[in-house]
Amino acid sequence: MNQPTTSTHEPSLLAAIDLGSNSFHIVIAKLVQGELQPIDLLSEKVQLAAGLDEDRILSAEAIQRGLECMERFAQRVRDIPEQQIRIVATNALREAVNSDDFIIEAEKIMGCSIEIIAGIEEARLIYLGVSHTLAGDNDRRLVIDIGGGSTEFIIGERFEPLELASLEMGCVSFNNRYFPNGCITEKNFQLAVFGALRELLNIKRTYRQRRWDDCVGSSGTIKAVRNACITLGYSTDKISASALQKLKQKILSYNHVDEIEIEGLKEERRAVFPAGIAILSAAFESLGIKEIRFSDGALREGLLYDMTGRLRHEDIRERSINAMMTRYRVDQAQAMRLEQTALIALTQVREDWNLDNNEYHNMLSWAARCCETGLTIARSQYHKHSAYLLLNSDLSGFTKRQQIQLAAIVQGHRRKFPSSTFEQLLPREAKHFSRLTILLRLAFVLNRSRSRERLPSFHLTAADNTISLSFPDNWLNHQPLTQADLEQEAGYLANAGYTLKFK
């Protein structure tokens, strides 16, 4: 009888890191036959939001706490390929005016990029993480995630979010505002509730009209509230409105957070516990919630599933770009011509210009398809209108930084080369995205006639700031307009420090 053979091929490892306002989390998972199997989870209370002052400057102490945590996380992901690691930062680093002081150093430690995601994108990822941990029912659900600096509210069905909101209230920020020095009084608790109710006015009407069948909470605050209610005998599983009210009265029986004694409540959670209860109480009151259950899924799990989708070429960003093209009635045929030409050019220079990362391929592809969206607004300077739309639209799957990068490529795809735009990118990004823009500019010149005829094969080489473009014998001699456009393009690029040669 043959013994079963064991494959020596290890399943791919994926790592998702969530740099929250209260805690940093990392989850490592195996991808086995398309299924995710979490194998390790680490969490540290860093409390970045506690280090934000009134001018939104992140303190040196908070930055140091964060970097020390990143050093520990870096050791855990040392053997995982960069493209299989995704790191996102949320509200505290969205708010901090000096977020780059942390991001630049943290990226050096981790050896990969860190994305600061918008609140709406955070909400989408949270919903994705929660949805994958729940039974596959068809009920409409409300998902609530109370973080350190913001709280996300999502209504959705199965894996599809229908309403997304991120409100500026979190257990750390509310703790600093309403419970100074850890003092607990009925007055400051009620002020915290009123503060949350004011924020909830932004979504109250829409969310009540949408309705839902099930309410689900995720992350540390709601988990701590649920566990406290069970420990104190107020509930057996879900957090009911009456259980939450009893927990509120229990907390108000203390004068200071240091006095709180609830079995299982960790010391670092105790400090922000009253603020979290106040926010959840306001959500119950404003949205008419009767009970809420807890889900282990959260932002980090959403990151893993989003990354898995990208590896399977099921990238939500593709849907966002296609939706944008439809919304602004982009000429699909011309968009395809620009995309194909730009990507052929990229293939020929990717090694010389160090553009091997697949994300550069994606960004160039998306920019090519969206560079004419601004024509819907006006023909004159439409490239600037296109850039504005990319910069200011809610594009699911894209971080703000990625939208800035896309907008820079699109704004620079014609006319004067906007060197100052690229100077606003991070130094390590500026050169790469300038070069992607040059490839799109060349594609634009070669497809200006919008002809259905295929372009001849061309050869492109690049060495530092010199680009050489050649065509089959005599082809360019029979294309006087293209030749004139290339001569003009050579002038534009010369002003930006690049040399374009063609024949």
Protein backbone atom coordinates (compact mmCIF):
# COMPACT_ATOMS: atom_id res chain seq x y z
CA MET A 1 0.00 0.00 0.00
CA ASN A 2 1.40 3.42 -1.00
CA GLN A 3 2.02 5.91 1.74
CA PRO A 4 0.39 9.33 1.21
CA THR A 5 2.83 11.94 0.00
CA THR A 6 3.20 15.26 1.76
CA SER A 7 3.71 18.38 -0.29
CA THR A 8 6.69 20.48 0.70
CA HIS A 9 5.05 23.54 -0.76
CA GLU A 10 4.05 25.89 2.03
CA PRO A 11 0.83 27.85 1.60
CA SER A 12 1.30 31.56 1.08
CA LEU A 13 1.32 33.69 4.20
CA LEU A 14 -0.55 36.98 4.32
CA ALA A 15 -0.15 39.68 6.96
CA ALA A 16 -2.59 42.48 7.74
CA ILE A 17 -1.63 45.25 10.13
CA ASP A 18 -4.11 47.79 11.50
CA LEU A 19 -2.57 50.90 13.05
CA GLY A 20 -5.58 52.04 15.04
CA SER A 21 -5.96 55.13 17.18
CA ASN A 22 -6.10 53.00 20.32
CA SER A 23 -4.42 49.69 19.43
CA PHE A 24 -2.13 48.28 16.77
CA HIS A 25 -3.13 44.82 15.52
CA ILE A 26 -1.43 42.27 13.31
CA VAL A 27 -2.94 39.06 11.99
CA ILE A 28 -1.04 36.42 10.02
CA ALA A 29 -2.99 33.95 7.91
CA LYS A 30 -2.31 31.05 5.56
CA LEU A 31 -3.96 30.99 2.16
CA VAL A 32 -4.85 27.33 1.62
CA GLN A 33 -6.83 26.39 -1.51
CA GLY A 34 -8.35 29.84 -1.57
CA GLU A 35 -9.36 29.80 2.10
CA LEU A 36 -7.84 31.95 4.84
CA GLN A 37 -6.63 30.24 8.00
CA PRO A 38 -5.49 32.72 10.69
CA ILE A 39 -2.43 31.39 12.49
CA ASP A 40 -1.23 34.29 14.65
CA LEU A 41 -2.64 37.45 16.16
CA LEU A 42 -0.88 40.17 18.11
CA SER A 43 -2.34 43.32 19.61
CA GLU A 44 -0.77 46.20 21.52
CA LYS A 45 -2.36 49.25 23.15
CA VAL A 46 -0.33 52.11 21.65
CA GLN A 47 -2.98 54.86 22.08
CA LEU A 48 -1.74 57.16 19.34
CA ALA A 49 -4.88 59.29 19.69
CA ALA A 50 -3.91 60.09 23.28
CA GLY A 51 -0.80 61.78 21.89
CA LEU A 52 -2.70 64.26 19.69
CA ASP A 53 -2.79 67.82 21.04
CA GLU A 54 -5.26 70.62 20.22
CA ASP A 55 -3.24 71.54 17.12
CA ARG A 56 -3.44 67.92 15.91
CA ILE A 57 0.28 67.39 16.45
CA LEU A 58 1.26 63.87 17.43
CA SER A 59 3.62 63.90 20.40
CA ALA A 60 7.14 62.48 20.20
CA GLU A 61 6.21 60.03 22.97
CA ALA A 62 3.23 58.66 21.00
CA ILE A 63 5.36 58.34 17.87
CA GLN A 64 8.00 56.46 19.84
CA ARG A 65 5.40 54.09 21.31
CA GLY A 66 4.18 53.35 17.81
CA LEU A 67 7.66 52.78 16.36
CA GLU A 68 8.62 50.42 19.17
CA CYS A 69 5.50 48.37 18.42
CA MET A 70 6.35 48.36 14.70
CA GLU A 71 9.79 46.95 15.48
CA ARG A 72 8.13 43.98 17.18
CA PHE A 73 5.68 43.53 14.31
CA ALA A 74 8.53 43.75 11.77
CA GLN A 75 10.20 40.70 13.30
CA ARG A 76 6.97 38.71 12.87
CA VAL A 77 6.63 39.47 9.14
CA ARG A 78 10.32 39.36 8.23
CA ASP A 79 9.96 36.30 5.97
CA ILE A 80 6.70 37.32 4.29
CA PRO A 81 7.02 38.89 0.80
CA GLU A 82 6.25 42.62 0.71
CA GLN A 83 3.35 42.19 -1.71
CA GLN A 84 1.67 39.87 0.82
CA ILE A 85 1.74 42.44 3.62
CA ARG A 86 -0.77 45.26 3.91
CA ILE A 87 -0.53 47.97 6.56
CA VAL A 88 -3.20 50.64 7.05
CA ALA A 89 -3.48 53.53 9.47
CA THR A 90 -6.75 55.05 10.64
CA ASN A 91 -8.11 58.12 12.44
CA ALA A 92 -5.17 59.25 14.59
CA LEU A 93 -2.81 59.33 11.62
CA ARG A 94 -5.54 60.80 9.40
CA GLU A 95 -5.84 63.67 11.86
CA ALA A 96 -2.18 64.23 12.75
CA VAL A 97 -0.58 67.07 10.77
CA ASN A 98 2.82 65.47 11.36
CA SER A 99 1.77 61.92 10.43
CA ASP A 100 4.73 61.68 8.03
CA ASP A 101 7.09 61.83 11.04
CA PHE A 102 5.71 58.45 12.04
CA ILE A 103 4.95 56.96 8.61
CA ILE A 104 8.42 57.51 7.11
CA GLU A 105 10.21 55.91 10.06
CA ALA A 106 7.67 53.08 10.34
CA GLU A 107 8.04 52.23 6.65
CA LYS A 108 11.81 51.99 7.10
CA ILE A 109 11.26 49.55 9.97
CA MET A 110 8.68 47.44 8.12
CA GLY A 111 10.28 47.58 4.68
CA CYS A 112 6.94 48.20 2.97
CA SER A 113 4.46 51.02 2.45
CA ILE A 114 1.83 52.15 4.94
CA GLU A 115 -1.52 53.47 3.73
CA ILE A 116 -3.53 56.08 5.62
CA ILE A 117 -7.08 55.14 4.69
CA ALA A 118 -10.13 57.40 4.65
CA GLY A 119 -12.96 56.78 7.09
CA ILE A 120 -15.27 55.47 4.37
CA GLU A 121 -12.63 52.97 3.24
CA GLU A 122 -12.10 51.93 6.86
CA ALA A 123 -15.86 51.30 7.13
CA ARG A 124 -15.86 49.19 3.95
CA LEU A 125 -12.99 47.03 5.18
CA ILE A 126 -14.60 46.58 8.61
CA TYR A 127 -17.82 45.41 6.96
CA LEU A 128 -15.86 43.00 4.76
CA GLY A 129 -14.14 41.54 7.83
CA VAL A 130 -17.37 41.20 9.80
CA SER A 131 -19.31 39.70 6.87
CA HIS A 132 -16.81 36.90 6.41
CA THR A 133 -17.17 35.84 10.06
CA LEU A 134 -20.98 35.64 10.00
CA ALA A 135 -23.30 32.97 8.67
CA GLY A 136 -24.22 33.47 5.03
CA ASP A 137 -27.72 34.81 5.54
CA ASN A 138 -29.65 37.28 3.44
CA ASP A 139 -30.56 39.58 6.33
CA ARG A 140 -29.72 43.26 6.21
CA ARG A 141 -27.34 44.12 9.03
CA LEU A 142 -26.03 47.20 10.81
CA VAL A 143 -22.35 46.96 11.77
CA ILE A 144 -20.83 49.27 14.39
CA ASP A 145 -17.12 49.55 15.16
CA ILE A 146 -16.05 51.92 17.96
CA GLY A 147 -12.37 52.72 17.54
CA GLY A 148 -10.00 54.99 19.39
CA GLY A 149 -10.59 58.06 17.23
CA SER A 150 -13.60 57.30 15.04
CA THR A 151 -16.69 55.09 14.96
CA GLU A 152 -17.84 53.38 11.77
CA PHE A 153 -21.47 52.57 10.92
CA ILE A 154 -22.29 50.32 7.97
CA ILE A 155 -25.55 48.91 6.67
CA GLY A 156 -25.18 46.03 4.24
CA GLU A 157 -26.45 42.73 2.90
CA ARG A 158 -24.15 39.69 2.75
CA PHE A 159 -20.80 41.06 1.49
CA GLU A 160 -22.18 44.26 -0.03
CA PRO A 161 -22.22 47.52 1.99
CA LEU A 162 -25.19 49.79 1.23
CA GLU A 163 -24.42 52.72 3.56
CA LEU A 164 -20.98 53.67 4.90
CA ALA A 165 -20.21 56.30 7.52
CA SER A 166 -17.24 57.21 9.69
CA LEU A 167 -17.95 59.64 12.54
CA GLU A 168 -15.39 61.67 14.48
CA MET A 169 -15.86 60.04 17.85
CA GLY A 170 -13.83 57.33 19.53
CA CYS A 171 -13.11 55.95 22.98
CA VAL A 172 -9.67 57.61 23.24
CA SER A 173 -10.65 61.01 21.83
CA PHE A 174 -13.86 61.09 23.92
CA ASN A 175 -11.94 59.99 26.99
CA ASN A 176 -9.56 62.95 26.59
CA ARG A 177 -12.45 65.35 25.98
CA TYR A 178 -15.06 64.28 28.52
CA PHE A 179 -13.22 62.26 31.19
CA PRO A 180 -10.11 64.33 31.97
CA ASN A 181 -7.75 62.71 34.44
CA GLY A 182 -10.03 59.66 34.54
CA CYS A 183 -12.74 61.35 36.63
CA ILE A 184 -16.26 59.86 36.24
CA THR A 185 -19.35 61.94 36.99
CA GLU A 186 -22.92 61.72 35.75
CA LYS A 187 -22.48 65.16 34.20
CA ASN A 188 -19.41 64.36 32.09
CA PHE A 189 -20.87 60.99 31.09
CA GLN A 190 -24.03 62.74 29.83
CA LEU A 191 -21.92 65.34 28.02
CA ALA A 192 -20.13 62.49 26.24
CA VAL A 193 -23.49 60.98 25.23
CA PHE A 194 -24.68 64.38 23.94
CA GLY A 195 -21.43 64.77 21.98
CA ALA A 196 -21.99 61.40 20.32
CA LEU A 197 -25.65 62.18 19.63
CA ARG A 198 -24.58 65.36 17.80
CA GLU A 199 -22.26 63.32 15.58
CA LEU A 200 -24.99 60.76 14.94
CA LEU A 201 -27.34 63.46 13.61
CA ASN A 202 -25.33 63.18 10.38
CA ILE A 203 -26.63 59.67 9.70
CA LYS A 204 -29.69 59.23 11.96
CA ARG A 205 -32.40 59.84 9.39
CA THR A 206 -30.81 57.89 6.55
CA TYR A 207 -29.95 54.89 8.69
CA ARG A 208 -33.35 54.68 10.35
CA GLN A 209 -35.02 54.78 6.93
CA ARG A 210 -32.75 52.03 5.59
CA ARG A 211 -33.69 49.65 8.43
CA TRP A 212 -31.89 46.41 9.28
CA ASP A 213 -32.66 42.95 10.68
CA ASP A 214 -29.54 42.40 12.75
CA CYS A 215 -27.06 44.63 14.59
CA VAL A 216 -23.41 43.53 14.92
CA GLY A 217 -20.53 45.13 16.80
CA SER A 218 -16.82 44.58 16.25
CA SER A 219 -13.46 45.44 17.83
CA GLY A 220 -12.30 46.01 21.40
CA THR A 221 -14.84 48.42 22.89
CA ILE A 222 -17.94 46.41 22.03
CA LYS A 223 -16.20 43.17 22.97
CA ALA A 224 -15.30 44.65 26.38
CA VAL A 225 -18.87 45.92 26.93
CA ARG A 226 -20.31 42.50 26.01
CA ASN A 227 -17.91 40.64 28.29
CA ALA A 228 -18.65 43.05 31.16
CA CYS A 229 -22.40 42.56 30.74
CA ILE A 230 -21.97 38.77 30.82
CA THR A 231 -19.62 38.88 33.83
CA LEU A 232 -22.01 41.10 35.79
CA GLY A 233 -24.99 38.93 34.90
CA TYR A 234 -26.76 41.60 32.83
CA SER A 235 -26.88 39.40 29.70
CA THR A 236 -25.88 35.97 28.47
CA ASP A 237 -24.59 36.84 24.98
CA LYS A 238 -25.92 39.92 23.18
CA ILE A 239 -25.82 43.45 24.59
CA SER A 240 -29.42 44.52 25.13
CA ALA A 241 -30.57 48.09 25.75
CA SER A 242 -31.43 47.19 29.37
CA ALA A 243 -28.04 45.50 29.94
CA LEU A 244 -26.27 48.57 28.59
CA GLN A 245 -28.28 50.82 30.90
CA LYS A 246 -27.35 48.65 33.91
CA LEU A 247 -23.67 48.78 32.90
CA LYS A 248 -23.88 52.55 32.63
CA GLN A 249 -25.25 52.79 36.19
CA LYS A 250 -22.51 50.44 37.38
CA ILE A 251 -19.83 52.66 35.86
CA LEU A 252 -21.42 55.79 37.35
CA SER A 253 -21.07 54.23 40.79
CA TYR A 254 -17.32 54.80 40.49
CA ASN A 255 -15.62 58.19 40.84
CA HIS A 256 -12.50 57.35 38.86
CA VAL A 257 -11.51 54.85 36.17
CA ASP A 258 -8.89 53.37 38.51
CA GLU A 259 -11.73 52.23 40.79
CA ILE A 260 -13.48 50.18 38.12
CA GLU A 261 -13.47 46.53 39.13
CA ILE A 262 -15.03 44.19 36.58
CA GLU A 263 -13.56 40.75 36.18
CA GLY A 264 -11.82 40.32 32.85
CA LEU A 265 -11.64 44.06 32.05
CA LYS A 266 -8.01 44.80 31.21
CA GLU A 267 -6.29 47.77 32.82
CA GLU A 268 -5.54 49.54 29.53
CA ARG A 269 -9.20 49.13 28.44
CA ARG A 270 -10.47 50.40 31.79
CA ALA A 271 -9.13 53.91 31.11
CA VAL A 272 -11.32 54.40 28.00
CA PHE A 273 -14.26 52.21 29.09
CA PRO A 274 -16.69 54.99 30.21
CA ALA A 275 -16.16 56.84 26.91
CA GLY A 276 -16.87 53.68 24.91
CA ILE A 277 -20.07 53.01 26.88
CA ALA A 278 -21.22 56.61 26.29
CA ILE A 279 -20.71 56.28 22.51
CA LEU A 280 -22.53 52.93 22.37
CA SER A 281 -25.38 54.31 24.52
CA ALA A 282 -25.80 57.23 22.10
CA ALA A 283 -25.86 54.82 19.14
CA PHE A 284 -28.60 52.73 20.82
CA GLU A 285 -30.66 55.88 21.49
CA SER A 286 -30.15 57.61 18.14
CA LEU A 287 -30.65 54.59 15.87
CA GLY A 288 -33.23 52.77 17.97
CA ILE A 289 -31.05 49.69 18.56
CA LYS A 290 -32.61 47.04 20.78
CA GLU A 291 -29.65 44.66 20.99
CA ILE A 292 -26.26 44.08 19.42
CA ARG A 293 -24.16 40.94 19.06
CA PHE A 294 -20.39 40.72 18.79
CA SER A 295 -18.29 39.57 15.83
CA ASP A 296 -14.59 38.70 15.92
CA GLY A 297 -14.18 40.07 12.40
CA ALA A 298 -12.87 43.61 12.09
CA LEU A 299 -10.64 45.86 9.99
CA ARG A 300 -7.63 43.53 9.97
CA GLU A 301 -9.75 40.57 8.77
CA GLY A 302 -11.24 42.85 6.11
CA LEU A 303 -7.71 43.68 4.96
CA LEU A 304 -6.91 39.98 4.59
CA TYR A 305 -10.01 39.28 2.51
CA ASP A 306 -9.43 42.40 0.42
CA MET A 307 -5.84 41.30 -0.20
CA THR A 308 -7.02 37.81 -1.11
CA GLY A 309 -9.38 39.35 -3.65
CA ARG A 310 -6.52 41.30 -5.20
CA LEU A 311 -4.39 38.16 -5.47
CA ARG A 312 -7.31 36.51 -7.29
CA HIS A 313 -7.71 39.59 -9.49
CA GLU A 314 -11.01 40.43 -7.79
CA ASP A 315 -9.81 43.92 -6.88
CA ILE A 316 -12.56 46.24 -5.62
CA ARG A 317 -10.55 49.08 -7.15
CA GLU A 318 -11.32 47.71 -10.62
CA ARG A 319 -15.02 48.08 -9.88
CA SER A 320 -14.48 51.63 -8.66
CA ILE A 321 -12.62 52.62 -11.84
CA ASN A 322 -15.18 50.97 -14.12
CA ALA A 323 -18.01 52.70 -12.25
CA MET A 324 -16.26 56.04 -12.65
CA MET A 325 -15.80 55.49 -16.38
CA THR A 326 -19.50 54.73 -16.73
CA ARG A 327 -20.57 57.68 -14.59
CA TYR A 328 -18.58 60.16 -16.67
CA ARG A 329 -19.29 58.52 -20.04
CA VAL A 330 -15.66 57.84 -20.94
CA ASP A 331 -14.94 56.78 -24.53
CA GLN A 332 -14.24 53.09 -23.83
CA ALA A 333 -12.41 52.44 -27.10
CA GLN A 334 -10.02 55.36 -26.63
CA ALA A 335 -9.46 54.43 -22.99
CA MET A 336 -8.48 50.91 -24.10
CA ARG A 337 -6.08 52.29 -26.73
CA LEU A 338 -4.38 54.54 -24.16
CA GLU A 339 -4.18 51.73 -21.63
CA GLN A 340 -2.72 49.18 -24.04
CA THR A 341 -0.11 51.57 -25.42
CA ALA A 342 0.94 52.78 -21.96
CA LEU A 343 1.27 49.21 -20.64
CA ILE A 344 3.30 48.11 -23.69
CA ALA A 345 5.64 51.02 -22.98
CA LEU A 346 5.82 50.05 -19.29
CA THR A 347 6.75 46.47 -20.18
CA GLN A 348 9.76 47.73 -22.17
CA VAL A 349 11.20 50.07 -19.51
CA ARG A 350 10.05 48.56 -16.21
CA GLU A 351 13.48 47.11 -15.38
CA ASP A 352 15.46 50.17 -16.49
CA TRP A 353 13.19 52.50 -14.53
CA ASN A 354 12.69 50.19 -11.54
CA LEU A 355 8.92 49.92 -12.12
CA ASP A 356 8.63 46.17 -11.51
CA ASN A 357 6.07 46.37 -8.70
CA ASN A 358 2.66 45.24 -9.97
CA GLU A 359 1.03 48.27 -8.31
CA TYR A 360 2.75 50.52 -10.87
CA HIS A 361 1.10 48.46 -13.62
CA ASN A 362 -2.28 48.89 -11.91
CA MET A 363 -1.91 52.62 -11.34
CA LEU A 364 -0.88 53.28 -14.94
CA SER A 365 -3.77 51.16 -16.20
CA TRP A 366 -6.33 52.99 -14.05
CA ALA A 367 -4.92 56.42 -14.89
CA ALA A 368 -5.11 55.67 -18.62
CA ARG A 369 -8.75 54.64 -18.32
CA CYS A 370 -9.76 57.70 -16.28
CA CYS A 371 -7.73 60.47 -17.83
CA GLU A 372 -10.69 61.65 -19.95
CA THR A 373 -13.34 61.71 -17.22
CA GLY A 374 -12.99 65.49 -17.04
CA LEU A 375 -14.34 65.88 -20.59
CA THR A 376 -17.80 65.64 -19.04
CA ILE A 377 -17.11 68.93 -17.26
CA ALA A 378 -15.32 70.88 -20.01
CA ARG A 379 -13.00 70.28 -22.97
CA SER A 380 -10.68 73.09 -21.91
CA GLN A 381 -8.06 71.80 -19.44
CA TYR A 382 -10.00 68.58 -19.03
CA HIS A 383 -6.91 66.85 -17.61
CA LYS A 384 -7.20 69.10 -14.54
CA HIS A 385 -10.91 68.33 -14.21
CA SER A 386 -10.12 64.60 -14.45
CA ALA A 387 -7.52 64.93 -11.70
CA TYR A 388 -10.00 66.82 -9.52
CA LEU A 389 -12.60 64.06 -9.90
CA LEU A 390 -10.08 61.36 -8.98
CA LEU A 391 -8.87 63.32 -6.00
CA ASN A 392 -12.29 64.15 -4.55
CA SER A 393 -14.47 61.12 -5.35
CA ASP A 394 -15.19 58.28 -2.92
CA LEU A 395 -13.36 55.43 -4.65
CA SER A 396 -13.82 52.16 -2.79
CA GLY A 397 -10.57 50.29 -2.29
CA PHE A 398 -8.34 53.32 -2.83
CA THR A 399 -6.49 55.10 -0.07
CA LYS A 400 -6.23 58.88 -0.13
CA ARG A 401 -2.57 58.58 -1.02
CA GLN A 402 -3.38 56.37 -4.01
CA GLN A 403 -5.99 58.88 -5.18
CA ILE A 404 -3.37 61.64 -4.96
CA GLN A 405 -0.97 59.49 -7.00
CA LEU A 406 -3.60 58.71 -9.64
CA ALA A 407 -4.62 62.37 -9.87
CA ALA A 408 -0.97 63.39 -10.34
CA ILE A 409 -0.53 60.99 -13.28
CA VAL A 410 -3.77 62.10 -14.90
CA GLN A 411 -3.13 65.82 -14.44
CA GLY A 412 0.28 65.39 -16.05
CA HIS A 413 -0.76 63.34 -19.07
CA ARG A 414 -0.87 66.32 -21.48
CA ARG A 415 0.35 69.88 -21.97
CA LYS A 416 3.01 71.27 -19.62
CA PHE A 417 4.63 68.66 -17.38
CA PRO A 418 3.51 69.56 -13.81
CA SER A 419 6.78 68.97 -11.92
CA SER A 420 5.45 70.83 -8.86
CA THR A 421 2.62 68.28 -8.53
CA PHE A 422 5.09 65.43 -8.13
CA GLU A 423 7.15 67.40 -5.63
CA GLN A 424 4.11 67.16 -3.32
CA LEU A 425 4.39 63.35 -3.28
CA LEU A 426 6.70 61.58 -0.88
CA PRO A 427 10.31 61.75 -2.16
CA ARG A 428 10.52 58.00 -2.81
CA GLU A 429 7.31 58.18 -4.89
CA ALA A 430 7.96 61.28 -6.97
CA LYS A 431 10.41 59.74 -9.46
CA HIS A 432 8.37 56.59 -10.05
CA PHE A 433 5.09 58.41 -10.63
CA SER A 434 6.77 61.03 -12.83
CA ARG A 435 8.00 58.20 -15.03
CA LEU A 436 4.59 56.53 -15.14
CA THR A 437 3.19 59.88 -16.24
CA ILE A 438 5.72 60.10 -19.08
CA LEU A 439 4.58 56.69 -20.32
CA LEU A 440 0.96 57.87 -20.33
CA ARG A 441 1.97 61.09 -22.10
CA LEU A 442 3.62 59.08 -24.88
CA ALA A 443 0.53 56.86 -25.16
CA PHE A 444 -1.61 60.01 -25.42
CA VAL A 445 0.57 61.45 -28.21
CA LEU A 446 0.55 58.20 -30.20
CA ASN A 447 -3.24 57.84 -29.91
CA ARG A 448 -4.22 61.48 -30.37
CA SER A 449 -5.93 60.75 -33.70
CA ARG A 450 -8.24 58.25 -31.93
CA SER A 451 -7.78 56.01 -34.97
CA ARG A 452 -9.10 52.45 -34.98
CA GLU A 453 -6.00 51.33 -36.86
CA ARG A 454 -3.44 49.50 -34.76
CA LEU A 455 -0.26 51.36 -33.96
CA PRO A 456 2.91 49.86 -35.41
CA SER A 457 5.18 48.10 -32.97
CA PHE A 458 7.52 50.56 -31.31
CA HIS A 459 10.66 50.17 -29.25
CA LEU A 460 11.19 52.18 -26.08
CA THR A 461 14.31 52.31 -23.93
CA ALA A 462 15.11 54.43 -20.89
CA ALA A 463 18.30 55.28 -19.05
CA ASP A 464 17.89 57.59 -16.08
CA ASN A 465 16.28 60.72 -17.56
CA THR A 466 16.75 59.84 -21.25
CA ILE A 467 13.99 58.13 -23.25
CA SER A 468 14.52 56.74 -26.77
CA LEU A 469 11.52 55.87 -28.93
CA SER A 470 11.85 54.21 -32.32
CA PHE A 471 9.35 53.04 -34.96
CA PRO A 472 9.57 50.80 -38.04
CA ASP A 473 11.47 52.31 -40.99
CA ASN A 474 9.81 55.38 -42.55
CA TRP A 475 6.61 55.06 -40.46
CA LEU A 476 7.13 58.37 -38.68
CA ASN A 477 7.91 60.13 -41.98
CA HIS A 478 4.34 59.43 -43.07
CA GLN A 479 2.86 60.73 -39.80
CA PRO A 480 3.61 64.48 -39.81
CA LEU A 481 1.13 65.29 -37.00
CA THR A 482 2.57 62.61 -34.72
CA GLN A 483 6.09 63.84 -35.50
CA ALA A 484 5.11 67.41 -34.63
CA ASP A 485 3.45 66.24 -31.40
CA LEU A 486 6.58 64.29 -30.41
CA GLU A 487 8.74 67.36 -31.05
CA GLN A 488 6.44 69.39 -28.81
CA GLU A 489 6.49 66.63 -26.20
CA ALA A 490 10.30 66.64 -26.25
CA GLY A 491 10.16 70.32 -25.36
CA TYR A 492 7.73 69.75 -22.49
CA LEU A 493 9.90 66.96 -21.09
CA ALA A 494 13.11 68.96 -21.50
CA ASN A 495 11.65 71.58 -19.17
CA ALA A 496 11.10 68.80 -16.61
CA GLY A 497 14.68 67.54 -16.92
CA TYR A 498 14.05 64.62 -19.30
CA THR A 499 15.42 64.03 -22.81
CA LEU A 500 13.15 62.42 -25.41
CA LYS A 501 14.75 61.05 -28.58
CA PHE A 502 12.68 59.52 -31.39
CA LYS A 503 13.12 58.24 -34.90
